[in-house]
Amino acid sequence: MPPPDRYNTGYNVGVGGAVVDDGRSLLVRRASRRGRGNWQIPGGFVEQNETMELAVVREVEEEAGVTATVQGVLGIRNRYDEEGGNSLYVVMLLDPKSGAPNPDMKEVDRAEYFSLAEIQALEQISPVNIEVAQRALAQDRRMLCAQTVDQGNRGTYTLFIG
């Protein structure tokens, strides 16, 4: 099933949340849309009325029942294809604050924390999600960290900088 029409504008922004707890990474198993049965980090589209940080926190909570906070940007994936247009996907590292993995049973039917070895042994997982897990679980991970910048009468912004 393709993404909803509101995202089929030729350009969309998605987010993925690499939630790490005690050396394990949170993954969800897709129950709907394309990718049914595939394991991946929780995530989805950024709505027009939210920032990417709010979107990733919302998506992690909606899909996996875990409340988390953003630590920084781990990576960015950009893709273009005729069917979906241009797609930007921002992968963020998050720390869990509360809640145990609990799938929403709509978009995902399982949600669990896995070690890197367990992730690598999963049958239905993309190379992108294995790479994200390797980076998120690495001891020397590098990322762009969130910094709030006050722009006076223009409000505050979050700047991700190394």
C-alpha atoms as a PDB file:
ATOM      1  CA  MET A   1       0.000   0.000   0.000  1.00  0.00           C
ATOM      2  CA  PRO A   2       1.478   3.430  -0.916  1.00  0.00           C
ATOM      3  CA  PRO A   3       1.874   6.277   1.596  1.00  0.00           C
ATOM      4  CA  PRO A   4      -1.225   8.459   2.189  1.00  0.00           C
ATOM      5  CA  ASP A   5      -1.939  11.113  -0.468  1.00  0.00           C
ATOM      6  CA  ARG A   6      -0.825  13.967   1.788  1.00  0.00           C
ATOM      7  CA  TYR A   7       2.720  12.591   1.561  1.00  0.00           C
ATOM      8  CA  ASN A   8       2.641  11.973  -2.202  1.00  0.00           C
ATOM      9  CA  THR A   9       3.575  15.535  -3.120  1.00  0.00           C
ATOM     10  CA  GLY A  10       6.811  14.643  -4.855  1.00  0.00           C
ATOM     11  CA  TYR A  11       8.806  15.483  -1.733  1.00  0.00           C
ATOM     12  CA  ASN A  12       8.416  14.204   1.806  1.00  0.00           C
ATOM     13  CA  VAL A  13      10.394  14.154   5.048  1.00  0.00           C
ATOM     14  CA  GLY A  14      10.473  11.115   7.271  1.00  0.00           C
ATOM     15  CA  VAL A  15      12.153  10.359  10.573  1.00  0.00           C
ATOM     16  CA  GLY A  16      13.395   7.231  12.277  1.00  0.00           C
ATOM     17  CA  GLY A  17      14.168   6.821  15.957  1.00  0.00           C
ATOM     18  CA  ALA A  18      17.158   4.717  16.995  1.00  0.00           C
ATOM     19  CA  VAL A  19      16.247   4.242  20.666  1.00  0.00           C
ATOM     20  CA  VAL A  20      19.116   2.684  22.615  1.00  0.00           C
ATOM     21  CA  ASP A  21      18.706   1.193  26.090  1.00  0.00           C
ATOM     22  CA  ASP A  22      21.449  -0.760  27.862  1.00  0.00           C
ATOM     23  CA  GLY A  23      23.300  -1.725  24.682  1.00  0.00           C
ATOM     24  CA  ARG A  24      20.165  -2.766  22.821  1.00  0.00           C
ATOM     25  CA  SER A  25      18.290  -1.033  20.001  1.00  0.00           C
ATOM     26  CA  LEU A  26      14.505  -0.756  19.712  1.00  0.00           C
ATOM     27  CA  LEU A  27      13.003  -2.244  16.560  1.00  0.00           C
ATOM     28  CA  VAL A  28       9.430  -2.658  15.378  1.00  0.00           C
ATOM     29  CA  ARG A  29       7.978  -5.140  12.904  1.00  0.00           C
ATOM     30  CA  ARG A  30       5.745  -3.625  10.217  1.00  0.00           C
ATOM     31  CA  ALA A  31       2.170  -4.913  10.122  1.00  0.00           C
ATOM     32  CA  SER A  32       0.836  -2.596   7.418  1.00  0.00           C
ATOM     33  CA  ARG A  33       1.869  -0.867   4.214  1.00  0.00           C
ATOM     34  CA  ARG A  34       4.828  -1.904   2.195  1.00  0.00           C
ATOM     35  CA  GLY A  35       7.320  -3.898   4.162  1.00  0.00           C
ATOM     36  CA  ARG A  36       4.902  -6.074   6.104  1.00  0.00           C
ATOM     37  CA  GLY A  37       6.953  -8.358   8.346  1.00  0.00           C
ATOM     38  CA  ASN A  38      10.124  -6.271   8.077  1.00  0.00           C
ATOM     39  CA  TRP A  39      11.968  -5.155  11.191  1.00  0.00           C
ATOM     40  CA  GLN A  40      13.074  -1.521  11.358  1.00  0.00           C
ATOM     41  CA  ILE A  41      13.553   1.390  13.698  1.00  0.00           C
ATOM     42  CA  PRO A  42      10.252   3.098  14.553  1.00  0.00           C
ATOM     43  CA  GLY A  43       9.436   6.154  12.482  1.00  0.00           C
ATOM     44  CA  GLY A  44       7.237   7.838   9.954  1.00  0.00           C
ATOM     45  CA  PHE A  45       6.453  11.094   8.224  1.00  0.00           C
ATOM     46  CA  VAL A  46       6.912  14.596   9.631  1.00  0.00           C
ATOM     47  CA  GLU A  47       3.545  16.373   9.680  1.00  0.00           C
ATOM     48  CA  GLN A  48       3.344  19.967   8.423  1.00  0.00           C
ATOM     49  CA  ASN A  49       2.707  21.342  11.913  1.00  0.00           C
ATOM     50  CA  GLU A  50       5.673  19.719  13.700  1.00  0.00           C
ATOM     51  CA  THR A  51       9.456  19.689  13.767  1.00  0.00           C
ATOM     52  CA  MET A  52      11.412  16.549  12.990  1.00  0.00           C
ATOM     53  CA  GLU A  53      12.283  16.185  16.695  1.00  0.00           C
ATOM     54  CA  LEU A  54       8.613  16.229  17.693  1.00  0.00           C
ATOM     55  CA  ALA A  55       7.760  13.839  14.864  1.00  0.00           C
ATOM     56  CA  VAL A  56      10.326  11.200  15.846  1.00  0.00           C
ATOM     57  CA  VAL A  57       9.310  11.310  19.523  1.00  0.00           C
ATOM     58  CA  ARG A  58       5.632  11.004  18.487  1.00  0.00           C
ATOM     59  CA  GLU A  59       6.297   8.130  16.090  1.00  0.00           C
ATOM     60  CA  VAL A  60       8.348   6.140  18.644  1.00  0.00           C
ATOM     61  CA  GLU A  61       5.616   6.562  21.244  1.00  0.00           C
ATOM     62  CA  GLU A  62       2.780   5.765  18.805  1.00  0.00           C
ATOM     63  CA  GLU A  63       4.374   2.684  17.281  1.00  0.00           C
ATOM     64  CA  ALA A  64       6.314   1.236  20.212  1.00  0.00           C
ATOM     65  CA  GLY A  65       4.860   2.751  23.404  1.00  0.00           C
ATOM     66  CA  VAL A  66       8.227   4.177  24.473  1.00  0.00           C
ATOM     67  CA  THR A  67       8.605   7.814  25.544  1.00  0.00           C
ATOM     68  CA  ALA A  68      12.043   9.083  24.536  1.00  0.00           C
ATOM     69  CA  THR A  69      14.146  12.213  24.096  1.00  0.00           C
ATOM     70  CA  VAL A  70      16.268  13.183  21.110  1.00  0.00           C
ATOM     71  CA  GLN A  71      20.045  13.175  21.541  1.00  0.00           C
ATOM     72  CA  GLY A  72      21.075  14.012  17.997  1.00  0.00           C
ATOM     73  CA  VAL A  73      21.114  13.098  14.327  1.00  0.00           C
ATOM     74  CA  LEU A  74      22.845   9.818  13.457  1.00  0.00           C
ATOM     75  CA  GLY A  75      22.344   9.970   9.715  1.00  0.00           C
ATOM     76  CA  ILE A  76      20.347  11.141   6.741  1.00  0.00           C
ATOM     77  CA  ARG A  77      19.060   9.045   3.862  1.00  0.00           C
ATOM     78  CA  ASN A  78      17.924  10.644   0.616  1.00  0.00           C
ATOM     79  CA  ARG A  79      16.202   8.736  -2.154  1.00  0.00           C
ATOM     80  CA  TYR A  80      14.477   9.532  -5.409  1.00  0.00           C
ATOM     81  CA  ASP A  81      12.283   7.222  -7.424  1.00  0.00           C
ATOM     82  CA  GLU A  82       9.580   7.784 -10.033  1.00  0.00           C
ATOM     83  CA  GLU A  83       6.760   6.471  -7.842  1.00  0.00           C
ATOM     84  CA  GLY A  84       7.536   8.227  -4.562  1.00  0.00           C
ATOM     85  CA  GLY A  85       9.441  11.283  -5.704  1.00  0.00           C
ATOM     86  CA  ASN A  86      12.155  12.738  -3.497  1.00  0.00           C
ATOM     87  CA  SER A  87      12.282  11.412   0.049  1.00  0.00           C
ATOM     88  CA  LEU A  88      14.457  12.687   2.885  1.00  0.00           C
ATOM     89  CA  TYR A  89      14.728  10.462   5.975  1.00  0.00           C
ATOM     90  CA  VAL A  90      16.491  11.701   9.127  1.00  0.00           C
ATOM     91  CA  VAL A  91      17.687   9.066  11.603  1.00  0.00           C
ATOM     92  CA  MET A  92      17.862  10.333  15.181  1.00  0.00           C
ATOM     93  CA  LEU A  93      19.383   8.793  18.296  1.00  0.00           C
ATOM     94  CA  LEU A  94      17.005   8.764  21.271  1.00  0.00           C
ATOM     95  CA  ASP A  95      17.229   7.883  24.963  1.00  0.00           C
ATOM     96  CA  PRO A  96      14.223   6.069  26.438  1.00  0.00           C
ATOM     97  CA  LYS A  97      12.581   7.827  29.389  1.00  0.00           C
ATOM     98  CA  SER A  98       9.591   5.611  30.171  1.00  0.00           C
ATOM     99  CA  GLY A  99       7.499   2.780  28.838  1.00  0.00           C
ATOM    100  CA  ALA A 100       8.296  -0.740  27.759  1.00  0.00           C
ATOM    101  CA  PRO A 101       8.035  -1.755  24.089  1.00  0.00           C
ATOM    102  CA  ASN A 102       4.366  -2.229  23.283  1.00  0.00           C
ATOM    103  CA  PRO A 103       3.320  -2.398  19.595  1.00  0.00           C
ATOM    104  CA  ASP A 104       0.334  -0.324  18.453  1.00  0.00           C
ATOM    105  CA  MET A 105      -1.065  -3.391  16.592  1.00  0.00           C
ATOM    106  CA  LYS A 106      -1.980  -1.142  13.643  1.00  0.00           C
ATOM    107  CA  GLU A 107       1.222  -0.109  11.932  1.00  0.00           C
ATOM    108  CA  VAL A 108       3.419  -2.551  13.867  1.00  0.00           C
ATOM    109  CA  ASP A 109       2.705  -5.915  15.468  1.00  0.00           C
ATOM    110  CA  ARG A 110       5.920  -6.331  17.496  1.00  0.00           C
ATOM    111  CA  ALA A 111       8.269  -3.985  19.321  1.00  0.00           C
ATOM    112  CA  GLU A 112      11.403  -5.155  21.142  1.00  0.00           C
ATOM    113  CA  TYR A 113      14.941  -4.234  22.108  1.00  0.00           C
ATOM    114  CA  PHE A 114      17.667  -6.290  20.383  1.00  0.00           C
ATOM    115  CA  SER A 115      21.433  -6.642  20.689  1.00  0.00           C
ATOM    116  CA  LEU A 116      23.457  -6.085  17.521  1.00  0.00           C
ATOM    117  CA  ALA A 117      24.013  -9.845  17.123  1.00  0.00           C
ATOM    118  CA  GLU A 118      20.254 -10.460  17.403  1.00  0.00           C
ATOM    119  CA  ILE A 119      19.560  -7.719  14.834  1.00  0.00           C
ATOM    120  CA  GLN A 120      22.070  -9.189  12.394  1.00  0.00           C
ATOM    121  CA  ALA A 121      20.372 -12.596  12.765  1.00  0.00           C
ATOM    122  CA  LEU A 122      16.879 -11.300  11.896  1.00  0.00           C
ATOM    123  CA  GLU A 123      15.562 -12.633   8.583  1.00  0.00           C
ATOM    124  CA  GLN A 124      13.503  -9.646   7.480  1.00  0.00           C
ATOM    125  CA  ILE A 125      15.624  -6.538   8.049  1.00  0.00           C
ATOM    126  CA  SER A 126      17.099  -4.142   5.490  1.00  0.00           C
ATOM    127  CA  PRO A 127      20.799  -3.330   5.225  1.00  0.00           C
ATOM    128  CA  VAL A 128      19.921   0.302   6.090  1.00  0.00           C
ATOM    129  CA  ASN A 129      18.463  -0.742   9.447  1.00  0.00           C
ATOM    130  CA  ILE A 130      21.447  -2.982  10.207  1.00  0.00           C
ATOM    131  CA  GLU A 131      23.760  -0.043   9.468  1.00  0.00           C
ATOM    132  CA  VAL A 132      21.692   2.254  11.730  1.00  0.00           C
ATOM    133  CA  ALA A 133      21.854  -0.319  14.544  1.00  0.00           C
ATOM    134  CA  GLN A 134      25.629  -0.670  14.146  1.00  0.00           C
ATOM    135  CA  ARG A 135      26.062   3.114  14.388  1.00  0.00           C
ATOM    136  CA  ALA A 136      23.584   3.561  17.241  1.00  0.00           C
ATOM    137  CA  LEU A 137      25.178   0.786  19.317  1.00  0.00           C
ATOM    138  CA  ALA A 138      28.814   1.717  18.585  1.00  0.00           C
ATOM    139  CA  GLN A 139      30.936   2.938  21.501  1.00  0.00           C
ATOM    140  CA  ASP A 140      32.429   5.748  19.404  1.00  0.00           C
ATOM    141  CA  ARG A 141      29.297   6.847  17.570  1.00  0.00           C
ATOM    142  CA  ARG A 142      29.420  10.252  15.982  1.00  0.00           C
ATOM    143  CA  MET A 143      26.359  12.390  15.555  1.00  0.00           C
ATOM    144  CA  LEU A 144      25.130  15.915  15.150  1.00  0.00           C
ATOM    145  CA  CYS A 145      23.922  17.117  18.566  1.00  0.00           C
ATOM    146  CA  ALA A 146      20.841  19.238  19.184  1.00  0.00           C
ATOM    147  CA  GLN A 147      21.393  22.828  20.311  1.00  0.00           C
ATOM    148  CA  THR A 148      18.606  25.370  20.872  1.00  0.00           C
ATOM    149  CA  VAL A 149      19.276  28.740  19.283  1.00  0.00           C
ATOM    150  CA  ASP A 150      17.208  31.826  20.138  1.00  0.00           C
ATOM    151  CA  GLN A 151      16.490  33.931  17.065  1.00  0.00           C
ATOM    152  CA  GLY A 152      14.896  36.847  18.951  1.00  0.00           C
ATOM    153  CA  ASN A 153      11.558  37.818  17.445  1.00  0.00           C
ATOM    154  CA  ARG A 154      11.719  34.810  15.084  1.00  0.00           C
ATOM    155  CA  GLY A 155      11.541  32.263  17.918  1.00  0.00           C
ATOM    156  CA  THR A 156      13.857  29.432  18.815  1.00  0.00           C
ATOM    157  CA  TYR A 157      15.307  26.844  16.484  1.00  0.00           C
ATOM    158  CA  THR A 158      17.005  23.534  16.979  1.00  0.00           C
ATOM    159  CA  LEU A 159      20.370  23.422  15.273  1.00  0.00           C
ATOM    160  CA  PHE A 160      22.012  20.022  14.876  1.00  0.00           C
ATOM    161  CA  ILE A 161      25.753  20.551  14.835  1.00  0.00           C
ATOM    162  CA  GLY A 162      28.878  18.438  15.353  1.00  0.00           C
END
